[in-house]
């Protein structure tokens, strides 16, 4: 997949944050990109990229949307980034509704899109990347059920790969777990909450985290991932400010 010019790429959750950076990176790499989001998002003009970006306003959590968009665009690459911003409070200050928001959104979206990738199915050689979170490894005590939901996204990705292998579909499913991304809508309030919990300024807290993930770093890493030989890929990767790393 070194040449992406004929690889239609659907990026789900492309309106902001890592999703916006990923959609932009694929277009800059030459891919025709379908940017799926609940609200339309602006992207840089064609002079800044060699591929195209077509906005598609849709609710990714609607079970009918994946089939409709797969039928319309016939993608070879699908990147799932969409999710809800968690309610940043300790456990005792959560309600069940705030605690479970990422199960009802992030996990639901992942389930519907992976299911449809197997049912349609996507063409042989297709790549599906699920962007989870580093919280799936280490927990996240101030974000309710977020860490558990992100761990379940990783499990679902593995289940989908097993089913694709059983059916000889030749589709590759990969989970990517980003560390803190403070410039995103999800990352910014999380950084503020954990800095306050540690009694640190945001600047001092971030200084302890090492190189940070940005939308541009995420975009470059995922382009690199889909260009790699599928037989060399691990089931999942940690994404840090220095790029992709094997999961511990």
Protein backbone atom coordinates (compact mmCIF):
# COMPACT_ATOMS: atom_id res chain seq x y z
CA UNK A 1 0.00 0.00 0.00
CA UNK A 2 2.89 2.40 -0.62
CA UNK A 3 0.76 4.19 -3.24
CA UNK A 4 -2.48 5.42 -1.66
CA UNK A 5 -3.81 7.30 -4.68
CA UNK A 6 -6.40 4.60 -5.41
CA UNK A 7 -7.08 3.61 -1.78
CA UNK A 8 -10.31 5.24 -0.70
CA UNK A 9 -9.96 5.94 3.01
CA UNK A 10 -12.83 6.49 5.42
CA UNK A 11 -11.85 8.33 8.61
CA UNK A 12 -14.62 8.18 11.21
CA UNK A 13 -14.42 11.08 13.64
CA UNK A 14 -12.57 13.43 11.31
CA UNK A 15 -13.94 16.76 12.48
CA UNK A 16 -11.36 17.48 15.19
CA UNK A 17 -8.34 16.30 17.11
CA UNK A 18 -6.54 13.14 16.06
CA UNK A 19 -9.22 12.30 13.48
CA UNK A 20 -8.74 15.62 11.71
CA UNK A 21 -4.97 15.12 11.68
CA UNK A 22 -5.32 11.58 10.37
CA UNK A 23 -7.70 12.58 7.56
CA UNK A 24 -5.35 15.40 6.54
CA UNK A 25 -2.31 13.09 6.56
CA UNK A 26 -3.97 10.51 4.31
CA UNK A 27 -4.99 13.21 1.85
CA UNK A 28 -1.45 14.60 1.87
CA UNK A 29 -0.24 11.05 1.13
CA UNK A 30 -2.46 10.99 -1.96
CA UNK A 31 -5.51 9.07 -0.74
CA UNK A 32 -9.09 10.01 -1.57
CA UNK A 33 -10.46 10.56 1.95
CA UNK A 34 -14.06 10.42 3.16
CA UNK A 35 -14.15 12.45 6.38
CA UNK A 36 -17.07 11.20 8.49
CA UNK A 37 -18.31 13.30 11.39
CA UNK A 38 -21.50 14.49 13.01
CA UNK A 39 -20.76 18.05 11.89
CA UNK A 40 -18.83 19.24 8.85
CA UNK A 41 -15.25 20.32 9.51
CA UNK A 42 -12.99 22.65 7.52
CA UNK A 43 -9.81 21.28 5.95
CA UNK A 44 -6.94 23.03 4.22
CA UNK A 45 -7.42 23.69 0.50
CA UNK A 46 -6.32 21.37 -2.31
CA UNK A 47 -2.98 23.18 -2.71
CA UNK A 48 -1.86 21.62 0.59
CA UNK A 49 -2.45 18.02 -0.46
CA UNK A 50 -2.41 15.67 -3.42
CA UNK A 51 -5.42 13.58 -2.36
CA UNK A 52 -8.98 14.72 -1.79
CA UNK A 53 -11.16 15.08 1.28
CA UNK A 54 -14.92 14.61 0.92
CA UNK A 55 -16.94 15.48 4.04
CA UNK A 56 -19.70 13.05 5.01
CA UNK A 57 -21.99 14.25 7.79
CA UNK A 58 -23.37 11.20 9.59
CA UNK A 59 -23.84 9.70 13.04
CA UNK A 60 -21.20 6.96 13.20
CA UNK A 61 -23.10 5.31 16.05
CA UNK A 62 -26.10 4.66 13.78
CA UNK A 63 -26.01 0.95 12.88
CA UNK A 64 -27.10 1.69 9.30
CA UNK A 65 -24.32 4.16 8.50
CA UNK A 66 -21.35 1.77 7.95
CA UNK A 67 -23.20 -0.32 5.36
CA UNK A 68 -24.44 2.78 3.55
CA UNK A 69 -20.98 4.35 3.35
CA UNK A 70 -19.23 1.09 2.46
CA UNK A 71 -21.69 0.59 -0.41
CA UNK A 72 -21.23 4.17 -1.62
CA UNK A 73 -17.46 4.52 -1.38
CA UNK A 74 -16.02 0.95 -1.43
CA UNK A 75 -13.10 1.86 0.90
CA UNK A 76 -9.87 -0.07 1.19
CA UNK A 77 -8.84 1.72 4.41
CA UNK A 78 -11.08 2.49 7.40
CA UNK A 79 -9.86 4.40 10.45
CA UNK A 80 -12.13 4.63 13.51
CA UNK A 81 -11.31 7.59 15.74
CA UNK A 82 -14.77 8.78 16.83
CA UNK A 83 -15.75 8.78 20.48
CA UNK A 84 -17.23 10.76 23.33
CA UNK A 85 -15.39 13.06 25.71
CA UNK A 86 -15.47 11.41 29.16
CA UNK A 87 -16.83 13.15 32.23
CA UNK A 88 -13.69 13.99 34.20
CA UNK A 89 -14.58 13.27 37.81
CA UNK A 90 -13.52 10.65 40.40
CA UNK A 91 -15.66 7.54 40.71
CA UNK A 92 -17.89 8.78 43.54
CA UNK A 93 -18.81 11.89 41.57
CA UNK A 94 -19.96 9.93 38.52
CA UNK A 95 -23.48 8.81 37.71
CA UNK A 96 -24.06 5.66 35.70
CA UNK A 97 -24.95 7.84 32.72
CA UNK A 98 -21.66 9.77 32.86
CA UNK A 99 -19.64 6.66 33.74
CA UNK A 100 -20.93 4.67 30.76
CA UNK A 101 -20.84 7.36 28.05
CA UNK A 102 -17.80 5.84 26.30
CA UNK A 103 -19.37 2.38 26.32
CA UNK A 104 -22.47 3.81 24.69
CA UNK A 105 -20.47 5.78 22.10
CA UNK A 106 -16.92 4.53 21.45
CA UNK A 107 -17.65 0.83 21.89
CA UNK A 108 -20.94 1.07 19.98
CA UNK A 109 -19.23 2.75 17.01
CA UNK A 110 -16.43 0.17 16.97
CA UNK A 111 -18.89 -2.72 17.14
CA UNK A 112 -21.05 -1.45 14.26
CA UNK A 113 -18.14 -0.65 11.92
CA UNK A 114 -16.11 -3.81 12.57
CA UNK A 115 -19.23 -5.92 12.20
CA UNK A 116 -20.02 -4.34 8.83
CA UNK A 117 -16.41 -4.66 7.64
CA UNK A 118 -16.80 -8.42 8.13
CA UNK A 119 -20.34 -8.67 6.78
CA UNK A 120 -19.92 -6.61 3.59
CA UNK A 121 -17.01 -7.64 3.52
CA UNK A 122 -14.36 -5.06 2.68
CA UNK A 123 -12.17 -6.00 -0.31
CA UNK A 124 -9.21 -8.35 0.22
CA UNK A 125 -6.15 -6.39 1.30
CA UNK A 126 -8.18 -3.78 3.16
CA UNK A 127 -6.91 -2.26 6.40
CA UNK A 128 -9.04 -1.30 9.40
CA UNK A 129 -7.43 0.72 12.20
CA UNK A 130 -9.19 1.28 15.53
CA UNK A 131 -7.82 4.19 17.54
CA UNK A 132 -8.28 3.28 21.20
CA UNK A 133 -6.25 4.88 24.03
CA UNK A 134 -3.23 4.26 26.21
CA UNK A 135 -5.72 4.35 29.08
CA UNK A 136 -6.65 0.81 28.02
CA UNK A 137 -3.30 -0.30 29.46
CA UNK A 138 -2.97 1.83 32.57
CA UNK A 139 -6.50 2.76 33.60
CA UNK A 140 -7.91 6.26 34.01
CA UNK A 141 -9.46 6.82 37.45
CA UNK A 142 -10.85 10.28 36.64
CA UNK A 143 -12.75 9.34 33.49
CA UNK A 144 -15.37 6.83 34.57
CA UNK A 145 -15.67 3.86 32.23
CA UNK A 146 -13.35 5.34 29.61
CA UNK A 147 -10.39 3.00 30.16
CA UNK A 148 -12.59 -0.09 30.15
CA UNK A 149 -14.33 1.04 26.98
CA UNK A 150 -10.98 1.63 25.29
CA UNK A 151 -9.75 -1.81 26.36
CA UNK A 152 -12.91 -3.31 24.87
CA UNK A 153 -12.20 -1.54 21.57
CA UNK A 154 -8.85 -3.32 21.52
CA UNK A 155 -10.53 -6.66 22.26
CA UNK A 156 -13.10 -6.11 19.50
CA UNK A 157 -10.32 -5.39 17.03
CA UNK A 158 -8.70 -8.71 17.90
CA UNK A 159 -12.02 -10.54 17.64
CA UNK A 160 -12.58 -9.04 14.18
CA UNK A 161 -9.13 -10.17 13.05
CA UNK A 162 -9.85 -13.70 14.25
CA UNK A 163 -13.13 -13.80 12.31
CA UNK A 164 -11.48 -12.37 9.18
CA UNK A 165 -8.81 -15.06 9.38
CA UNK A 166 -11.39 -17.80 9.86
CA UNK A 167 -13.24 -16.65 6.74
CA UNK A 168 -10.07 -16.03 4.68
CA UNK A 169 -11.11 -12.42 4.05
CA UNK A 170 -7.54 -11.04 3.88
CA UNK A 171 -8.52 -7.96 5.90
CA UNK A 172 -6.10 -6.58 8.48
CA UNK A 173 -7.45 -5.15 11.74
CA UNK A 174 -5.09 -3.17 13.98
CA UNK A 175 -5.58 -1.32 17.28
CA UNK A 176 -3.59 1.85 18.00
CA UNK A 177 -3.43 3.18 21.57
CA UNK A 178 -2.34 6.85 21.75
CA UNK A 179 -0.82 8.31 24.89
CA UNK A 180 -1.89 11.77 26.12
CA UNK A 181 -2.78 14.11 23.26
CA UNK A 182 -3.31 17.44 25.06
CA UNK A 183 -4.26 19.38 21.93
CA UNK A 184 -7.43 17.34 21.36
CA UNK A 185 -10.92 17.76 22.74
CA UNK A 186 -10.57 14.58 24.80
CA UNK A 187 -6.98 15.15 25.86
CA UNK A 188 -7.20 18.76 27.03
CA UNK A 189 -9.68 18.26 29.91
CA UNK A 190 -7.96 15.02 30.89
CA UNK A 191 -4.60 16.77 31.22
CA UNK A 192 -6.18 19.57 33.25
CA UNK A 193 -7.89 17.11 35.59
CA UNK A 194 -4.83 14.95 36.20
CA UNK A 195 -2.57 17.96 36.66
CA UNK A 196 -4.93 19.32 39.32
CA UNK A 197 -5.09 15.90 41.01
CA UNK A 198 -1.28 15.82 41.16
CA UNK A 199 -1.09 19.39 42.46
CA UNK A 200 0.85 20.52 39.38
CA UNK A 201 0.41 23.15 36.75
CA UNK A 202 -0.58 21.85 33.34
CA UNK A 203 2.87 22.81 32.04
CA UNK A 204 4.70 20.92 34.80
CA UNK A 205 2.45 17.90 34.40
CA UNK A 206 3.03 17.72 30.66
CA UNK A 207 6.77 18.12 31.15
CA UNK A 208 6.73 14.82 33.06
CA UNK A 209 4.96 12.96 30.24
CA UNK A 210 7.72 13.00 27.64
CA UNK A 211 7.06 13.63 23.92
CA UNK A 212 3.35 14.19 23.41
CA UNK A 213 1.04 12.92 20.69
CA UNK A 214 -0.28 15.55 18.28
CA UNK A 215 -2.77 15.22 15.41
CA UNK A 216 0.13 15.52 12.97
CA UNK A 217 2.11 12.74 14.68
CA UNK A 218 -0.96 10.51 14.73
CA UNK A 219 -1.61 11.14 11.04
CA UNK A 220 1.96 10.35 10.01
CA UNK A 221 1.99 7.20 12.16
CA UNK A 222 -1.21 5.80 10.67
CA UNK A 223 -0.10 6.48 7.11
CA UNK A 224 3.09 4.60 7.92
CA UNK A 225 1.04 1.78 9.43
CA UNK A 226 -1.19 1.18 6.41
CA UNK A 227 1.76 1.40 4.03
CA UNK A 228 3.54 -1.42 5.87
CA UNK A 229 3.39 -5.01 4.68
CA UNK A 230 0.35 -6.54 6.40
CA UNK A 231 2.31 -9.68 7.26
CA UNK A 232 4.72 -7.65 9.40
CA UNK A 233 2.07 -5.94 11.53
CA UNK A 234 1.35 -6.63 15.20
CA UNK A 235 -2.28 -6.75 16.40
CA UNK A 236 -1.80 -3.43 18.19
CA UNK A 237 0.58 -0.57 18.87
CA UNK A 238 1.15 2.15 21.44
CA UNK A 239 1.37 5.62 19.89
CA UNK A 240 3.65 8.09 21.67
CA UNK A 241 5.11 11.41 20.64
CA UNK A 242 7.96 9.52 18.97
CA UNK A 243 5.67 7.30 16.88
CA UNK A 244 4.37 3.73 16.99
CA UNK A 245 5.79 1.25 19.50
CA UNK A 246 5.06 -2.40 20.15
CA UNK A 247 2.60 -2.86 23.00
CA UNK A 248 4.07 -4.01 26.32
